[in-house]
Structure formats: C-alpha cells, structure tokens
C-alpha cells in the first residue's frame, strides 16, 4: 500500500487549484449578477441555445423596424405641418379672391399677395427632414420646386410665352385691354391650364418624382409614407397664384378681369379640396404606421419575456454566489499565506 506524501507544498498547490476555480466562478457570478443573464448560454441552455438565438434575432429585427417607424412618423408629422400651412395659405387666398370679385380688394394688393403666397408655398413644398425633401417623392435629395420669380425660371417663362403665343402680344402690351371675356376664359381653360398639367409641371416646375416613398412598417407590411409635389393640389395651387400674379393687374377690361377672378376662385377651391385629400392620405399612412408600431411593441414584449425565461438568472441568487465565492477566495488567500509560512526549521526551533 502506497502512502501519499504530505507536505506544505502539496497543501499549497491544492489551495492554488481551488483558488483558480473560485476566481473563474466569481467572474461568471459577477457577470450574471450585473447583466441578469446566464454567463454562458451554450453551456447553460444546451439544445435550447438555437431557440434563444432565434428569439434574439427576431427581437433585434423588430426593434430596428420600431426605430425606423419612429423616424418615418416624424417625417410624416413634418409633412403634415407643412401641408397645413399650405392649405391655410390657399384658404386665405380664396378669401382674397372672393373680395377681389366683389371689388373689396385692389388688384395690385391681390397681385402682391399672390406673389407672396407663391413664395411661401414654394418654401413649404421644399421642406426637408433629416436632409431629405419630404415632398420630392423618391427623389429625396432634390429640391422639388424652384423660385418662380428667379431670373430664367422656366415655369414663369413658359407661362408668359403661352400668353403671347395665344394672344399674339405679351402681357405688357396695351392691347391686353381689348381681350374679351370669352377669349380670356378660353385661354385660361386651354393654353394657361396646360402649363400646370402633369407633363408641363414635371418639365418646367417640379423635380419631384411621382413615385412615393414606401416604408416597411411591419415585417409583412409596406406603406406609402410620403406625398409628391406633383399632386393635383400642388399644381392647382400654383395655377391659382400664378393666374392672379401674372394677370391680375396688367390692364384687362372689367369683363376679362372678372373671367380671371372667376377662374382663380374655382381653381383655388379645387386646390384646397385636393390638398385636404392629400392630408387625409398622409393621415391614413400615419395611422397605419402607429398601428404597426403598437403591434410591434406587443411582439417585442412577448419576445423579451421568452428570452428572459430562457436566459435570465435570479439576481439575488447570483449576488449570494458572488458573496460566497468572495469569502471563499479570501479564506483561500489567508490559508495560502499560513501554509507558505510553515517551515521545518521553524518547528525545530
């Protein structure tokens, strides 16, 4: 029978091994106490590790969608705010045109108002959010509308040219006083109106795209979350402002002037209605996005609960293990010091 050697070296080495294991266990316990999750998922969960990974991937995917929906919702809120101001301007202009028809407003005042509203509407249509133009369709990096009054603006040049081509003289010619109401009405319904149809608008006025921005608001749901400056409401709004700005104070006789005012009133009413419809369209997109986000929030809570069921640890139990292991390590250090101080020479003394 072999007798095991007993020495201070053997005892010290044994203590060292215990200390190394305790330190490793302490790191795991401290991590679990701090994070609230198991230190080694693969070791702890075993065959259920794949389930945990899948749940976490789905949680991350839905979190990204939720965050994206938040940005999309803010962009649509910015768009709605701009649209509200555009509609307000259109309504104010309708009141002015009505006053113009009754003689309660001066043509020169109306012209100045139309030019001012045109500039304001242009600025609002060029609204941007996070560096992207909200009314540009998918051309988010391109400003939708140019400055109508800027030198060389193609839209204004085309409008003035259409007048000269139709009547045979420019708006500055004294012959404008001889234009009949019937001729003016026909011009406004044909040559002038054609400057605001989809083709001319895209050529001379707008750099926006007809294709709207589509956002994935849920794993299996896409929604159009923008509106384009190419919409009918924007074109009709520009048409009514331009009509008064260019023809309201050029010296027309009363009958022809009344034809302009009547057409401007009709077009402004149409623009206001169309812009309100645009607001409704965007409002529906906002509601869909909110509903999708609410559903995602519920799903995230379920996924989080499932992950916790698999990976969560009892923080109190983890803290107790940390304390126990810390005490064990301190005791091991103290014992090691005692063992290292043992010496046969000291004993023989």
Protein backbone atom coordinates (compact mmCIF):
# COMPACT_ATOMS: atom_id res chain seq x y z
CA UNK A 1 0.00 0.00 0.00
CA UNK A 2 1.45 3.34 -1.10
CA UNK A 3 1.39 6.20 1.36
CA UNK A 4 0.59 9.66 -0.06
CA UNK A 5 3.17 12.32 0.60
CA UNK A 6 2.03 15.05 2.95
CA UNK A 7 3.87 18.34 2.71
CA UNK A 8 3.32 22.09 2.79
CA UNK A 9 3.93 22.13 -0.99
CA UNK A 10 1.10 19.68 -1.66
CA UNK A 11 -1.26 21.65 0.56
CA UNK A 12 -0.32 24.96 -1.02
CA UNK A 13 -0.71 23.58 -4.55
CA UNK A 14 -4.13 22.16 -3.69
CA UNK A 15 -5.21 25.56 -2.37
CA UNK A 16 -3.95 27.22 -5.55
CA UNK A 17 -6.20 24.98 -7.71
CA UNK A 18 -9.21 25.71 -5.55
CA UNK A 19 -8.46 29.43 -5.76
CA UNK A 20 -8.23 29.38 -9.58
CA UNK A 21 -11.62 27.65 -9.87
CA UNK A 22 -13.21 30.02 -7.39
CA UNK A 23 -11.91 33.05 -9.30
CA UNK A 24 -13.32 31.69 -12.58
CA UNK A 25 -16.68 31.03 -10.89
CA UNK A 26 -16.60 34.52 -9.38
CA UNK A 27 -16.23 36.14 -12.82
CA UNK A 28 -19.27 34.19 -14.06
CA UNK A 29 -21.30 35.07 -10.97
CA UNK A 30 -20.39 38.75 -11.16
CA UNK A 31 -21.34 38.89 -14.86
CA UNK A 32 -24.68 37.18 -14.18
CA UNK A 33 -25.35 39.50 -11.23
CA UNK A 34 -24.61 42.56 -13.36
CA UNK A 35 -26.34 41.59 -16.63
CA UNK A 36 -29.15 39.46 -15.26
CA UNK A 37 -28.41 36.78 -17.88
CA UNK A 38 -26.54 33.48 -17.79
CA UNK A 39 -22.79 33.77 -18.40
CA UNK A 40 -22.50 31.00 -20.98
CA UNK A 41 -25.70 30.48 -22.97
CA UNK A 42 -24.45 27.42 -24.80
CA UNK A 43 -23.35 25.66 -21.61
CA UNK A 44 -26.46 26.59 -19.67
CA UNK A 45 -29.16 26.16 -22.33
CA UNK A 46 -27.70 23.25 -24.25
CA UNK A 47 -30.07 22.21 -27.04
CA UNK A 48 -32.22 25.29 -26.47
CA UNK A 49 -29.40 27.66 -27.46
CA UNK A 50 -30.68 27.84 -31.06
CA UNK A 51 -34.10 28.88 -29.80
CA UNK A 52 -32.53 31.69 -27.77
CA UNK A 53 -30.52 32.93 -30.77
CA UNK A 54 -33.63 32.93 -32.98
CA UNK A 55 -35.62 34.89 -30.42
CA UNK A 56 -32.86 37.47 -30.06
CA UNK A 57 -32.53 37.89 -33.85
CA UNK A 58 -36.27 38.45 -34.19
CA UNK A 59 -36.19 40.88 -31.28
CA UNK A 60 -33.38 42.88 -32.92
CA UNK A 61 -35.21 42.89 -36.28
CA UNK A 62 -38.43 44.20 -34.78
CA UNK A 63 -36.52 46.77 -32.74
CA UNK A 64 -34.98 48.15 -35.94
CA UNK A 65 -38.45 48.33 -37.52
CA UNK A 66 -39.81 50.14 -34.48
CA UNK A 67 -36.98 52.68 -34.57
CA UNK A 68 -37.46 53.18 -38.32
CA UNK A 69 -41.19 53.71 -37.81
CA UNK A 70 -40.36 56.42 -35.30
CA UNK A 71 -38.29 58.30 -37.89
CA UNK A 72 -40.99 57.74 -40.53
CA UNK A 73 -43.66 59.07 -38.18
CA UNK A 74 -41.61 62.22 -37.50
CA UNK A 75 -41.11 62.77 -41.24
CA UNK A 76 -44.85 62.47 -41.86
CA UNK A 77 -45.57 64.86 -38.98
CA UNK A 78 -43.24 67.38 -40.63
CA UNK A 79 -45.08 66.87 -43.93
CA UNK A 80 -48.48 67.34 -42.30
CA UNK A 81 -47.35 70.55 -40.64
CA UNK A 82 -46.18 71.94 -43.98
CA UNK A 83 -49.40 70.83 -45.68
CA UNK A 84 -51.50 72.53 -43.00
CA UNK A 85 -49.71 75.81 -43.68
CA UNK A 86 -50.09 75.37 -47.44
CA UNK A 87 -53.83 74.75 -47.04
CA UNK A 88 -54.14 77.78 -44.75
CA UNK A 89 -52.47 79.93 -47.40
CA UNK A 90 -54.83 78.56 -50.03
CA UNK A 91 -57.85 79.33 -47.85
CA UNK A 92 -56.62 82.86 -47.18
CA UNK A 93 -56.13 83.36 -50.89
CA UNK A 94 -59.66 82.17 -51.61
CA UNK A 95 -60.96 84.84 -49.23
CA UNK A 96 -58.87 87.42 -51.06
CA UNK A 97 -60.13 86.32 -54.48
CA UNK A 98 -63.69 86.49 -53.20
CA UNK A 99 -63.05 90.04 -52.00
CA UNK A 100 -61.47 90.84 -55.37
CA UNK A 101 -64.60 89.66 -57.18
CA UNK A 102 -66.78 91.94 -55.08
CA UNK A 103 -64.49 94.91 -55.54
CA UNK A 104 -63.50 94.93 -51.87
CA UNK A 105 -59.82 94.34 -52.72
CA UNK A 106 -57.50 96.17 -55.08
CA UNK A 107 -55.91 94.19 -57.96
CA UNK A 108 -52.41 95.43 -57.07
CA UNK A 109 -52.85 94.19 -53.49
CA UNK A 110 -54.06 90.83 -54.76
CA UNK A 111 -51.06 90.52 -57.07
CA UNK A 112 -48.63 91.20 -54.23
CA UNK A 113 -50.47 88.69 -52.04
CA UNK A 114 -50.39 86.04 -54.76
CA UNK A 115 -46.65 86.50 -55.26
CA UNK A 116 -46.03 86.30 -51.52
CA UNK A 117 -48.14 83.17 -51.14
CA UNK A 118 -46.38 81.59 -54.11
CA UNK A 119 -43.00 82.14 -52.42
CA UNK A 120 -44.28 80.85 -49.09
CA UNK A 121 -45.85 77.77 -50.70
CA UNK A 122 -42.60 77.09 -52.59
CA UNK A 123 -40.63 77.21 -49.33
CA UNK A 124 -43.12 74.87 -47.65
CA UNK A 125 -43.07 72.40 -50.54
CA UNK A 126 -39.27 72.42 -50.25
CA UNK A 127 -39.46 71.40 -46.58
CA UNK A 128 -36.78 68.90 -45.57
CA UNK A 129 -36.40 66.43 -42.71
CA UNK A 130 -33.08 64.85 -41.81
CA UNK A 131 -31.62 66.29 -45.01
CA UNK A 132 -34.36 64.81 -47.24
CA UNK A 133 -37.08 66.74 -49.06
CA UNK A 134 -40.40 65.39 -47.84
CA UNK A 135 -42.45 66.31 -50.94
CA UNK A 136 -39.95 65.07 -53.53
CA UNK A 137 -41.25 61.51 -53.78
CA UNK A 138 -38.32 59.11 -54.04
CA UNK A 139 -36.08 61.96 -55.29
CA UNK A 140 -35.47 62.92 -51.67
CA UNK A 141 -32.13 64.57 -52.40
CA UNK A 142 -33.57 67.03 -54.95
CA UNK A 143 -35.42 70.26 -54.08
CA UNK A 144 -38.93 69.88 -55.59
CA UNK A 145 -39.65 73.47 -56.68
CA UNK A 146 -37.51 76.34 -57.91
CA UNK A 147 -38.05 80.03 -57.21
CA UNK A 148 -40.77 81.18 -59.62
CA UNK A 149 -39.55 84.78 -59.62
CA UNK A 150 -35.88 83.91 -60.11
CA UNK A 151 -34.26 85.08 -63.35
CA UNK A 152 -34.55 82.48 -66.07
CA UNK A 153 -37.10 80.36 -64.22
CA UNK A 154 -38.54 78.03 -66.90
CA UNK A 155 -42.01 77.92 -65.34
CA UNK A 156 -42.55 81.68 -65.48
CA UNK A 157 -41.02 81.89 -68.95
CA UNK A 158 -43.40 79.19 -70.20
CA UNK A 159 -46.46 80.90 -68.66
CA UNK A 160 -45.64 84.28 -70.20
CA UNK A 161 -44.84 82.65 -73.53
CA UNK A 162 -48.18 80.84 -73.53
CA UNK A 163 -49.95 84.20 -73.18
CA UNK A 164 -48.00 85.72 -76.06
CA UNK A 165 -48.50 82.66 -78.27
CA UNK A 166 -52.25 82.67 -77.64
CA UNK A 167 -52.98 86.41 -77.98
CA UNK A 168 -50.10 87.46 -80.21
CA UNK A 169 -48.68 90.05 -77.80
CA UNK A 170 -47.10 89.99 -74.30
CA UNK A 171 -48.80 90.85 -71.02
CA UNK A 172 -47.10 94.26 -71.08
CA UNK A 173 -48.75 95.30 -74.37
CA UNK A 174 -51.58 97.88 -74.13
CA UNK A 175 -53.68 95.60 -76.35
CA UNK A 176 -54.48 93.50 -73.27
CA UNK A 177 -57.31 95.99 -72.65
CA UNK A 178 -59.07 94.65 -75.75
CA UNK A 179 -59.13 90.98 -74.67
CA UNK A 180 -62.69 89.76 -74.42
CA UNK A 181 -64.02 87.75 -71.51
CA UNK A 182 -64.65 84.77 -73.83
CA UNK A 183 -61.08 84.82 -75.15
CA UNK A 184 -59.63 85.12 -71.68
CA UNK A 185 -61.76 82.24 -70.41
CA UNK A 186 -60.73 80.08 -73.36
CA UNK A 187 -57.06 80.92 -72.81
CA UNK A 188 -57.25 80.07 -69.12
CA UNK A 189 -59.01 76.77 -69.84
CA UNK A 190 -56.56 75.72 -72.57
CA UNK A 191 -53.07 77.21 -73.01
CA UNK A 192 -52.73 78.52 -69.49
CA UNK A 193 -54.08 75.40 -67.80
CA UNK A 194 -51.79 73.20 -69.87
CA UNK A 195 -48.82 74.83 -68.13
CA UNK A 196 -49.94 73.01 -64.98
CA UNK A 197 -50.74 69.58 -66.38
CA UNK A 198 -48.56 66.65 -65.29
CA UNK A 199 -46.20 66.86 -68.26
CA UNK A 200 -45.53 70.61 -68.18
CA UNK A 201 -45.31 70.57 -64.40
CA UNK A 202 -42.55 67.94 -64.45
CA UNK A 203 -40.78 69.77 -67.27
CA UNK A 204 -40.88 73.36 -66.03
CA UNK A 205 -41.88 73.36 -62.39
CA UNK A 206 -41.04 70.28 -60.39
CA UNK A 207 -38.06 68.00 -59.86
CA UNK A 208 -40.08 65.68 -57.64
CA UNK A 209 -40.85 62.09 -58.53
CA UNK A 210 -44.37 60.72 -58.95
CA UNK A 211 -43.19 57.57 -57.15
CA UNK A 212 -43.85 57.89 -53.44
CA UNK A 213 -41.59 56.71 -50.65
CA UNK A 214 -42.58 53.26 -49.42
CA UNK A 215 -41.65 52.22 -45.90
CA UNK A 216 -41.71 48.76 -44.35
CA UNK A 217 -43.72 49.44 -41.23
CA UNK A 218 -44.09 45.78 -40.22
CA UNK A 219 -42.40 42.52 -41.26
CA UNK A 220 -45.02 41.89 -43.95
CA UNK A 221 -46.48 45.38 -44.47
CA UNK A 222 -45.39 48.21 -46.74
CA UNK A 223 -46.97 51.66 -46.75
CA UNK A 224 -46.60 54.78 -48.90
CA UNK A 225 -45.46 57.28 -46.31
CA UNK A 226 -44.96 60.44 -48.39
CA UNK A 227 -46.75 62.66 -50.88
CA UNK A 228 -45.33 64.21 -54.02
CA UNK A 229 -45.24 67.85 -55.06
CA UNK A 230 -46.55 66.58 -58.41
CA UNK A 231 -50.01 66.01 -56.93
CA UNK A 232 -53.03 67.82 -58.35
CA UNK A 233 -53.46 70.00 -55.27
CA UNK A 234 -49.97 71.47 -55.56
CA UNK A 235 -50.39 72.13 -59.28
CA UNK A 236 -53.79 73.78 -58.85
CA UNK A 237 -52.47 75.90 -56.00
CA UNK A 238 -49.60 77.17 -58.17
CA UNK A 239 -52.04 77.76 -61.02
CA UNK A 240 -54.33 79.99 -58.96
CA UNK A 241 -51.44 82.01 -57.51
CA UNK A 242 -49.83 82.42 -60.93
CA UNK A 243 -53.11 83.45 -62.52
CA UNK A 244 -53.53 86.43 -60.24
CA UNK A 245 -49.82 87.24 -60.02
CA UNK A 246 -49.39 87.46 -63.80
CA UNK A 247 -52.83 88.60 -64.99
CA UNK A 248 -54.39 90.41 -62.04
CA UNK A 249 -53.03 93.89 -62.75
CA UNK A 250 -52.00 94.08 -66.41
CA UNK A 251 -54.77 96.44 -67.54
CA UNK A 252 -57.52 94.00 -68.52
CA UNK A 253 -61.04 95.35 -69.07
CA UNK A 254 -63.56 94.52 -66.35
CA UNK A 255 -65.13 91.57 -68.20
CA UNK A 256 -61.81 89.87 -68.89
CA UNK A 257 -60.66 90.63 -65.34
CA UNK A 258 -63.82 89.03 -63.96
CA UNK A 259 -63.07 85.93 -66.04
CA UNK A 260 -59.62 85.71 -64.42
CA UNK A 261 -61.03 86.17 -60.91
CA UNK A 262 -63.76 83.58 -61.52
CA UNK A 263 -61.25 81.03 -62.77
CA UNK A 264 -58.89 81.78 -59.89
CA UNK A 265 -61.70 81.26 -57.39
CA UNK A 266 -62.65 77.94 -58.98
CA UNK A 267 -59.06 76.72 -59.13
CA UNK A 268 -58.29 77.77 -55.55
CA UNK A 269 -61.34 75.88 -54.27
CA UNK A 270 -60.20 72.79 -56.17
CA UNK A 271 -56.67 73.17 -54.81
CA UNK A 272 -57.90 73.44 -51.23
CA UNK A 273 -60.01 70.31 -51.61
CA UNK A 274 -57.22 68.35 -53.30
CA UNK A 275 -54.68 69.39 -50.64
CA UNK A 276 -57.11 68.32 -47.91
CA UNK A 277 -57.36 64.94 -49.65
CA UNK A 278 -53.56 64.79 -49.63
CA UNK A 279 -53.59 65.41 -45.90
CA UNK A 280 -56.10 62.59 -45.47
CA UNK A 281 -53.92 60.23 -47.50
CA UNK A 282 -50.93 61.03 -45.34
CA UNK A 283 -53.06 60.78 -42.22
CA UNK A 284 -54.04 57.23 -43.17
CA UNK A 285 -50.36 56.38 -43.57
CA UNK A 286 -49.67 57.87 -40.14
CA UNK A 287 -52.45 55.78 -38.59
CA UNK A 288 -51.16 52.59 -40.25
CA UNK A 289 -47.64 53.29 -39.04
CA UNK A 290 -48.84 53.89 -35.47
CA UNK A 291 -50.90 50.70 -35.51
CA UNK A 292 -47.94 48.73 -36.84
CA UNK A 293 -45.67 50.19 -34.16
CA UNK A 294 -48.19 49.29 -31.45
CA UNK A 295 -48.29 45.70 -32.72
CA UNK A 296 -44.51 45.56 -32.85
CA UNK A 297 -44.31 46.82 -29.27
CA UNK A 298 -46.54 43.96 -28.11
CA UNK A 299 -44.45 41.45 -30.05
CA UNK A 300 -41.26 42.84 -28.55
CA UNK A 301 -42.65 42.38 -25.05
CA UNK A 302 -43.52 38.75 -25.81
CA UNK A 303 -40.09 38.09 -27.32
CA UNK A 304 -38.35 39.77 -24.40
CA UNK A 305 -40.34 37.64 -21.96
CA UNK A 306 -39.40 34.48 -23.88
CA UNK A 307 -35.70 35.38 -23.84
CA UNK A 308 -35.87 36.09 -20.11
CA UNK A 309 -37.50 32.72 -19.48
CA UNK A 310 -34.53 31.05 -21.19
CA UNK A 311 -31.58 33.21 -20.16
CA UNK A 312 -32.50 35.22 -17.08
CA UNK A 313 -30.95 34.43 -13.71
CA UNK A 314 -32.15 35.26 -10.21
CA UNK A 315 -30.17 38.41 -9.31
CA UNK A 316 -30.44 37.64 -5.59
CA UNK A 317 -29.08 34.12 -6.08
CA UNK A 318 -26.26 35.48 -8.28
CA UNK A 319 -25.38 38.09 -5.64
CA UNK A 320 -25.35 35.39 -2.96
CA UNK A 321 -22.93 33.32 -5.07
CA UNK A 322 -20.71 36.38 -5.54
CA UNK A 323 -20.55 36.90 -1.78
CA UNK A 324 -19.90 33.22 -1.09
CA UNK A 325 -17.15 32.96 -3.69
CA UNK A 326 -15.55 36.21 -2.49
CA UNK A 327 -15.46 34.83 1.06
CA UNK A 328 -14.03 31.53 -0.20
CA UNK A 329 -11.30 33.31 -2.17
CA UNK A 330 -10.36 35.50 0.80
CA UNK A 331 -10.16 32.39 3.00
CA UNK A 332 -8.01 30.63 0.42
CA UNK A 333 -5.63 33.58 0.29
CA UNK A 334 -5.35 33.57 4.08
CA UNK A 335 -4.75 29.80 4.14
CA UNK A 336 -2.12 30.08 1.43
CA UNK A 337 -0.25 32.68 3.46
CA UNK A 338 -0.34 30.39 6.51
CA UNK A 339 0.91 27.40 4.51
CA UNK A 340 3.70 29.40 2.96
CA UNK A 341 4.88 30.39 6.43
CA UNK A 342 5.19 26.72 7.52
CA UNK A 343 8.83 25.56 7.80
CA UNK A 344 10.53 22.55 9.42
CA UNK A 345 13.26 24.84 10.66
CA UNK A 346 10.69 26.96 12.45
CA UNK A 347 9.27 23.75 14.01
CA UNK A 348 12.70 22.54 15.24
CA UNK A 349 13.30 25.87 16.90
